[in-house]
Amino acid sequence: MNKADLIEQIAQAAEISKSAAERSVDALVNAVKASLRKGDMVTLVGFGTFYAGVRTARTGRNPRTGAPVEIKAAKLPKFRAGKALKDAIN
């Protein structure tokens, strides 16, 4: 399923226009991005939790030359599925 498919399903389920459904999906995505950027968690009870994980700086190796390469620290978006979502797919 891609974004267009998701928008179409939301529009049908909520009986709203596709443009309203698209604005809703965009608003949700932007709200999650803004919260993660601030370091907050976003919890949707029954669905799951979005949070920002931290990857520390480390030294890696270039696979072609074997030379050491410094890899910078980074924040990564992560998702932990809730119990209801896990139960729904099993």
C-alpha atoms as a PDB file:
ATOM      1  CA  MET A   1       0.000   0.000   0.000  1.00  0.00           C
ATOM      2  CA  ASN A   2       1.313   3.430  -0.872  1.00  0.00           C
ATOM      3  CA  LYS A   3       0.202   6.901   0.207  1.00  0.00           C
ATOM      4  CA  ALA A   4      -2.408   7.221  -2.562  1.00  0.00           C
ATOM      5  CA  ASP A   5      -3.972   3.872  -1.603  1.00  0.00           C
ATOM      6  CA  LEU A   6      -4.045   4.893   2.055  1.00  0.00           C
ATOM      7  CA  ILE A   7      -5.717   8.213   1.214  1.00  0.00           C
ATOM      8  CA  GLU A   8      -8.338   6.432  -0.883  1.00  0.00           C
ATOM      9  CA  GLN A   9      -9.151   3.953   1.904  1.00  0.00           C
ATOM     10  CA  ILE A  10      -9.399   6.737   4.504  1.00  0.00           C
ATOM     11  CA  ALA A  11     -11.668   8.780   2.226  1.00  0.00           C
ATOM     12  CA  GLN A  12     -14.001   5.809   1.732  1.00  0.00           C
ATOM     13  CA  ALA A  13     -14.025   4.727   5.384  1.00  0.00           C
ATOM     14  CA  ALA A  14     -14.601   8.241   6.743  1.00  0.00           C
ATOM     15  CA  GLU A  15     -16.899   9.248   3.878  1.00  0.00           C
ATOM     16  CA  ILE A  16     -14.873  12.375   3.120  1.00  0.00           C
ATOM     17  CA  SER A  17     -13.270  13.695  -0.041  1.00  0.00           C
ATOM     18  CA  LYS A  18      -9.870  12.476  -1.153  1.00  0.00           C
ATOM     19  CA  SER A  19      -8.431  15.973  -0.753  1.00  0.00           C
ATOM     20  CA  ALA A  20      -9.624  16.129   2.878  1.00  0.00           C
ATOM     21  CA  ALA A  21      -8.181  12.662   3.521  1.00  0.00           C
ATOM     22  CA  GLU A  22      -4.870  13.727   1.952  1.00  0.00           C
ATOM     23  CA  ARG A  23      -4.718  16.829   4.168  1.00  0.00           C
ATOM     24  CA  SER A  24      -5.390  14.617   7.198  1.00  0.00           C
ATOM     25  CA  VAL A  25      -2.637  12.137   6.306  1.00  0.00           C
ATOM     26  CA  ASP A  26      -0.184  14.982   5.642  1.00  0.00           C
ATOM     27  CA  ALA A  27      -1.102  16.635   8.950  1.00  0.00           C
ATOM     28  CA  LEU A  28      -0.508  13.367  10.836  1.00  0.00           C
ATOM     29  CA  VAL A  29       2.866  12.773   9.178  1.00  0.00           C
ATOM     30  CA  ASN A  30       3.986  16.362   9.819  1.00  0.00           C
ATOM     31  CA  ALA A  31       2.885  16.200  13.468  1.00  0.00           C
ATOM     32  CA  VAL A  32       4.833  12.957  14.013  1.00  0.00           C
ATOM     33  CA  LYS A  33       7.938  14.442  12.327  1.00  0.00           C
ATOM     34  CA  ALA A  34       7.765  17.610  14.446  1.00  0.00           C
ATOM     35  CA  SER A  35       7.366  15.642  17.673  1.00  0.00           C
ATOM     36  CA  LEU A  36      10.264  13.307  16.877  1.00  0.00           C
ATOM     37  CA  ARG A  37      12.457  16.284  15.930  1.00  0.00           C
ATOM     38  CA  LYS A  38      11.814  17.728  19.414  1.00  0.00           C
ATOM     39  CA  GLY A  39      12.640  14.376  21.016  1.00  0.00           C
ATOM     40  CA  ASP A  40       9.063  13.559  22.041  1.00  0.00           C
ATOM     41  CA  MET A  41       7.334  10.205  21.636  1.00  0.00           C
ATOM     42  CA  VAL A  42       4.058   9.804  19.734  1.00  0.00           C
ATOM     43  CA  THR A  43       1.842   7.072  21.168  1.00  0.00           C
ATOM     44  CA  LEU A  44      -1.297   5.908  19.387  1.00  0.00           C
ATOM     45  CA  VAL A  45      -2.933   3.534  21.855  1.00  0.00           C
ATOM     46  CA  GLY A  46      -3.704   0.220  20.189  1.00  0.00           C
ATOM     47  CA  PHE A  47      -1.472   1.006  17.206  1.00  0.00           C
ATOM     48  CA  GLY A  48       2.028   1.750  18.457  1.00  0.00           C
ATOM     49  CA  THR A  49       4.644   4.282  19.459  1.00  0.00           C
ATOM     50  CA  PHE A  50       6.935   6.382  17.292  1.00  0.00           C
ATOM     51  CA  TYR A  51      10.140   7.555  18.961  1.00  0.00           C
ATOM     52  CA  ALA A  52      13.593   8.854  18.089  1.00  0.00           C
ATOM     53  CA  GLY A  53      16.429   6.437  18.784  1.00  0.00           C
ATOM     54  CA  VAL A  54      20.056   7.482  18.999  1.00  0.00           C
ATOM     55  CA  ARG A  55      22.943   5.871  17.157  1.00  0.00           C
ATOM     56  CA  THR A  56      26.305   6.777  18.670  1.00  0.00           C
ATOM     57  CA  ALA A  57      29.330   7.799  16.651  1.00  0.00           C
ATOM     58  CA  ARG A  58      31.616   4.932  15.743  1.00  0.00           C
ATOM     59  CA  THR A  59      34.465   3.873  13.514  1.00  0.00           C
ATOM     60  CA  GLY A  60      33.609   1.693  10.545  1.00  0.00           C
ATOM     61  CA  ARG A  61      35.610   0.294   7.653  1.00  0.00           C
ATOM     62  CA  ASN A  62      35.362   1.053   3.957  1.00  0.00           C
ATOM     63  CA  PRO A  63      34.602  -2.391   2.473  1.00  0.00           C
ATOM     64  CA  ARG A  64      36.474  -1.615  -0.736  1.00  0.00           C
ATOM     65  CA  THR A  65      39.737  -0.316   0.747  1.00  0.00           C
ATOM     66  CA  GLY A  66      39.592  -1.465   4.359  1.00  0.00           C
ATOM     67  CA  ALA A  67      40.409   2.075   5.500  1.00  0.00           C
ATOM     68  CA  PRO A  68      38.798   3.221   8.756  1.00  0.00           C
ATOM     69  CA  VAL A  69      35.906   5.681   8.363  1.00  0.00           C
ATOM     70  CA  GLU A  70      34.338   7.831  11.077  1.00  0.00           C
ATOM     71  CA  ILE A  71      30.534   7.460  11.175  1.00  0.00           C
ATOM     72  CA  LYS A  72      28.734  10.400  12.805  1.00  0.00           C
ATOM     73  CA  ALA A  73      26.150  10.051  15.567  1.00  0.00           C
ATOM     74  CA  ALA A  74      22.554  10.231  14.347  1.00  0.00           C
ATOM     75  CA  LYS A  75      18.946  10.239  15.511  1.00  0.00           C
ATOM     76  CA  LEU A  76      16.791   7.577  13.860  1.00  0.00           C
ATOM     77  CA  PRO A  77      13.008   7.279  13.741  1.00  0.00           C
ATOM     78  CA  LYS A  78      11.778   4.049  15.298  1.00  0.00           C
ATOM     79  CA  PHE A  79       8.389   2.384  15.745  1.00  0.00           C
ATOM     80  CA  ARG A  80       7.235  -0.092  18.356  1.00  0.00           C
ATOM     81  CA  ALA A  81       3.966  -1.853  17.514  1.00  0.00           C
ATOM     82  CA  GLY A  82       1.230  -1.953  20.142  1.00  0.00           C
ATOM     83  CA  LYS A  83      -0.439  -5.124  21.390  1.00  0.00           C
ATOM     84  CA  ALA A  84      -3.675  -4.537  19.445  1.00  0.00           C
ATOM     85  CA  LEU A  85      -1.736  -4.151  16.168  1.00  0.00           C
ATOM     86  CA  LYS A  86       0.284  -7.277  16.857  1.00  0.00           C
ATOM     87  CA  ASP A  87      -2.892  -9.226  17.668  1.00  0.00           C
ATOM     88  CA  ALA A  88      -4.646  -7.913  14.551  1.00  0.00           C
ATOM     89  CA  ILE A  89      -2.045  -9.340  12.174  1.00  0.00           C
ATOM     90  CA  ASN A  90      -1.680 -12.725  13.858  1.00  0.00           C
END
